[in-house]
Structures are given as structure tokens and as C-alpha cells.
């Protein structure tokens, strides 16, 4: 079997804020589903606006899942990398 025709393994960045124990259940579920589908996960447990955009590893991320927090969300969506938000509302 040739690796040239092998499908690319997706890498999903999960962005959350630390400190809320209820978020752990949500994040663990997101990570489990990504891994069940053969994806890799890079977790960032710090505010987007604190780290700055582009976030670390943005060059290998195929999509972002932002859990329960939105500071810096507009800057992240402006990068063109797909973003899924969980438990928050994004401004248009």
C-alpha cells in the first residue's frame, strides 16, 4: 500500500479556558470523537487574546473547536481556518 494515496490525518486544535471543571467533560468528549475518527488533537487551555493569533501550531491545524469562551474569536475566524464553537455565541 502506497502512503502517497493515504488520506491526510486531520489535526484539530481545541481551545478552552482552564478552571471550570464542567468544561472537562465537554473537552474530553470532543477529543474522544476526534480521535475515534483518526484525528490528532492539540489543546490550548489559555485565552486566544492572551496568546495572540496565530495560535501556536496554527500551521498544522485543519480546524479549531473553541469551547466556552470567545475573547479573540473574531481574530481566530479571520485566519480562514474553520472554527466550531461549543457553548458560546459568536458575533457576526
C-alpha atoms as a PDB file:
ATOM      1  CA  UNK A   1       0.000   0.000   0.000  1.00  0.00           C
ATOM      2  CA  UNK A   2       1.371   3.368  -1.011  1.00  0.00           C
ATOM      3  CA  UNK A   3       1.446   6.175   1.531  1.00  0.00           C
ATOM      4  CA  UNK A   4       1.204   8.683  -1.284  1.00  0.00           C
ATOM      5  CA  UNK A   5      -2.521   7.975  -1.643  1.00  0.00           C
ATOM      6  CA  UNK A   6      -3.173   7.682   2.105  1.00  0.00           C
ATOM      7  CA  UNK A   7      -5.699  10.202   3.445  1.00  0.00           C
ATOM      8  CA  UNK A   8      -4.296  13.061   5.467  1.00  0.00           C
ATOM      9  CA  UNK A   9      -4.675  12.756   9.235  1.00  0.00           C
ATOM     10  CA  UNK A  10      -6.678  15.771  10.425  1.00  0.00           C
ATOM     11  CA  UNK A  11      -5.303  17.863  13.256  1.00  0.00           C
ATOM     12  CA  UNK A  12      -7.874  19.743  15.319  1.00  0.00           C
ATOM     13  CA  UNK A  13      -6.990  22.474  17.796  1.00  0.00           C
ATOM     14  CA  UNK A  14      -9.174  22.591  20.905  1.00  0.00           C
ATOM     15  CA  UNK A  15      -9.210  25.995  22.620  1.00  0.00           C
ATOM     16  CA  UNK A  16     -10.626  26.363  26.127  1.00  0.00           C
ATOM     17  CA  UNK A  17     -10.081  28.236  29.345  1.00  0.00           C
ATOM     18  CA  UNK A  18      -8.759  26.492  32.441  1.00  0.00           C
ATOM     19  CA  UNK A  19     -10.532  26.328  35.756  1.00  0.00           C
ATOM     20  CA  UNK A  20     -14.086  25.198  35.074  1.00  0.00           C
ATOM     21  CA  UNK A  21     -14.388  21.505  35.984  1.00  0.00           C
ATOM     22  CA  UNK A  22     -17.597  21.100  33.950  1.00  0.00           C
ATOM     23  CA  UNK A  23     -15.723  22.008  30.785  1.00  0.00           C
ATOM     24  CA  UNK A  24     -13.526  18.941  31.253  1.00  0.00           C
ATOM     25  CA  UNK A  25     -16.445  16.695  30.334  1.00  0.00           C
ATOM     26  CA  UNK A  26     -17.134  18.681  27.158  1.00  0.00           C
ATOM     27  CA  UNK A  27     -13.467  18.804  26.150  1.00  0.00           C
ATOM     28  CA  UNK A  28     -12.964  15.085  26.822  1.00  0.00           C
ATOM     29  CA  UNK A  29     -15.972  14.316  24.625  1.00  0.00           C
ATOM     30  CA  UNK A  30     -14.677  16.498  21.792  1.00  0.00           C
ATOM     31  CA  UNK A  31     -11.228  14.894  21.997  1.00  0.00           C
ATOM     32  CA  UNK A  32     -12.715  11.378  22.069  1.00  0.00           C
ATOM     33  CA  UNK A  33     -14.778  11.964  18.915  1.00  0.00           C
ATOM     34  CA  UNK A  34     -11.825  13.472  17.039  1.00  0.00           C
ATOM     35  CA  UNK A  35      -9.612  10.509  17.957  1.00  0.00           C
ATOM     36  CA  UNK A  36     -12.345   7.987  17.045  1.00  0.00           C
ATOM     37  CA  UNK A  37     -12.215   9.419  13.541  1.00  0.00           C
ATOM     38  CA  UNK A  38      -8.433   9.133  13.340  1.00  0.00           C
ATOM     39  CA  UNK A  39      -7.660  12.774  14.062  1.00  0.00           C
ATOM     40  CA  UNK A  40      -5.000  14.340  16.237  1.00  0.00           C
ATOM     41  CA  UNK A  41      -5.726  16.942  18.893  1.00  0.00           C
ATOM     42  CA  UNK A  42      -3.700  19.913  20.040  1.00  0.00           C
ATOM     43  CA  UNK A  43      -5.191  21.504  23.157  1.00  0.00           C
ATOM     44  CA  UNK A  44      -4.710  25.127  24.150  1.00  0.00           C
ATOM     45  CA  UNK A  45      -6.025  25.918  27.616  1.00  0.00           C
ATOM     46  CA  UNK A  46      -5.380  29.654  27.510  1.00  0.00           C
ATOM     47  CA  UNK A  47      -7.249  32.709  26.185  1.00  0.00           C
ATOM     48  CA  UNK A  48      -6.832  33.464  22.476  1.00  0.00           C
ATOM     49  CA  UNK A  49      -6.304  37.160  23.181  1.00  0.00           C
ATOM     50  CA  UNK A  50      -3.585  36.351  25.742  1.00  0.00           C
ATOM     51  CA  UNK A  51      -1.659  34.041  23.396  1.00  0.00           C
ATOM     52  CA  UNK A  52      -2.371  36.024  20.245  1.00  0.00           C
ATOM     53  CA  UNK A  53      -3.269  34.966  16.726  1.00  0.00           C
ATOM     54  CA  UNK A  54      -1.941  32.964  15.046  1.00  0.00           C
ATOM     55  CA  UNK A  55      -2.108  30.456  17.885  1.00  0.00           C
ATOM     56  CA  UNK A  56       0.791  28.035  18.317  1.00  0.00           C
ATOM     57  CA  UNK A  57       0.654  25.136  15.833  1.00  0.00           C
ATOM     58  CA  UNK A  58      -1.707  27.068  13.519  1.00  0.00           C
ATOM     59  CA  UNK A  59       0.418  25.945  10.585  1.00  0.00           C
ATOM     60  CA  UNK A  60      -0.635  22.300  11.167  1.00  0.00           C
ATOM     61  CA  UNK A  61      -4.231  22.854  12.336  1.00  0.00           C
ATOM     62  CA  UNK A  62      -7.043  21.860   9.966  1.00  0.00           C
ATOM     63  CA  UNK A  63      -9.813  23.257  12.182  1.00  0.00           C
ATOM     64  CA  UNK A  64     -10.480  24.729  15.619  1.00  0.00           C
ATOM     65  CA  UNK A  65     -13.009  23.794  18.288  1.00  0.00           C
ATOM     66  CA  UNK A  66     -13.489  26.687  20.724  1.00  0.00           C
ATOM     67  CA  UNK A  67     -15.102  25.591  23.997  1.00  0.00           C
ATOM     68  CA  UNK A  68     -16.983  28.055  26.247  1.00  0.00           C
ATOM     69  CA  UNK A  69     -15.154  31.227  25.598  1.00  0.00           C
ATOM     70  CA  UNK A  70     -14.909  33.929  22.966  1.00  0.00           C
ATOM     71  CA  UNK A  71     -12.269  36.599  23.616  1.00  0.00           C
ATOM     72  CA  UNK A  72     -10.264  36.768  20.413  1.00  0.00           C
ATOM     73  CA  UNK A  73     -12.716  34.591  18.475  1.00  0.00           C
ATOM     74  CA  UNK A  74     -13.081  37.101  15.625  1.00  0.00           C
ATOM     75  CA  UNK A  75      -9.320  37.192  15.106  1.00  0.00           C
ATOM     76  CA  UNK A  76      -9.232  33.379  15.050  1.00  0.00           C
ATOM     77  CA  UNK A  77     -12.048  33.120  12.488  1.00  0.00           C
ATOM     78  CA  UNK A  78     -10.305  35.746  10.343  1.00  0.00           C
ATOM     79  CA  UNK A  79      -7.412  33.309   9.754  1.00  0.00           C
ATOM     80  CA  UNK A  80      -9.614  31.296   7.383  1.00  0.00           C
ATOM     81  CA  UNK A  81      -9.189  28.053   9.320  1.00  0.00           C
ATOM     82  CA  UNK A  82     -12.630  26.539  10.068  1.00  0.00           C
ATOM     83  CA  UNK A  83     -13.881  27.210  13.628  1.00  0.00           C
ATOM     84  CA  UNK A  84     -16.591  25.335  15.538  1.00  0.00           C
ATOM     85  CA  UNK A  85     -17.857  26.931  18.735  1.00  0.00           C
ATOM     86  CA  UNK A  86     -19.292  24.922  21.631  1.00  0.00           C
ATOM     87  CA  UNK A  87     -21.388  26.527  24.387  1.00  0.00           C
ATOM     88  CA  UNK A  88     -20.968  30.114  23.223  1.00  0.00           C
ATOM     89  CA  UNK A  89     -22.315  32.525  20.671  1.00  0.00           C
ATOM     90  CA  UNK A  90     -20.112  34.197  18.084  1.00  0.00           C
ATOM     91  CA  UNK A  91     -20.863  37.770  16.995  1.00  0.00           C
ATOM     92  CA  UNK A  92     -21.394  38.267  13.259  1.00  0.00           C
END
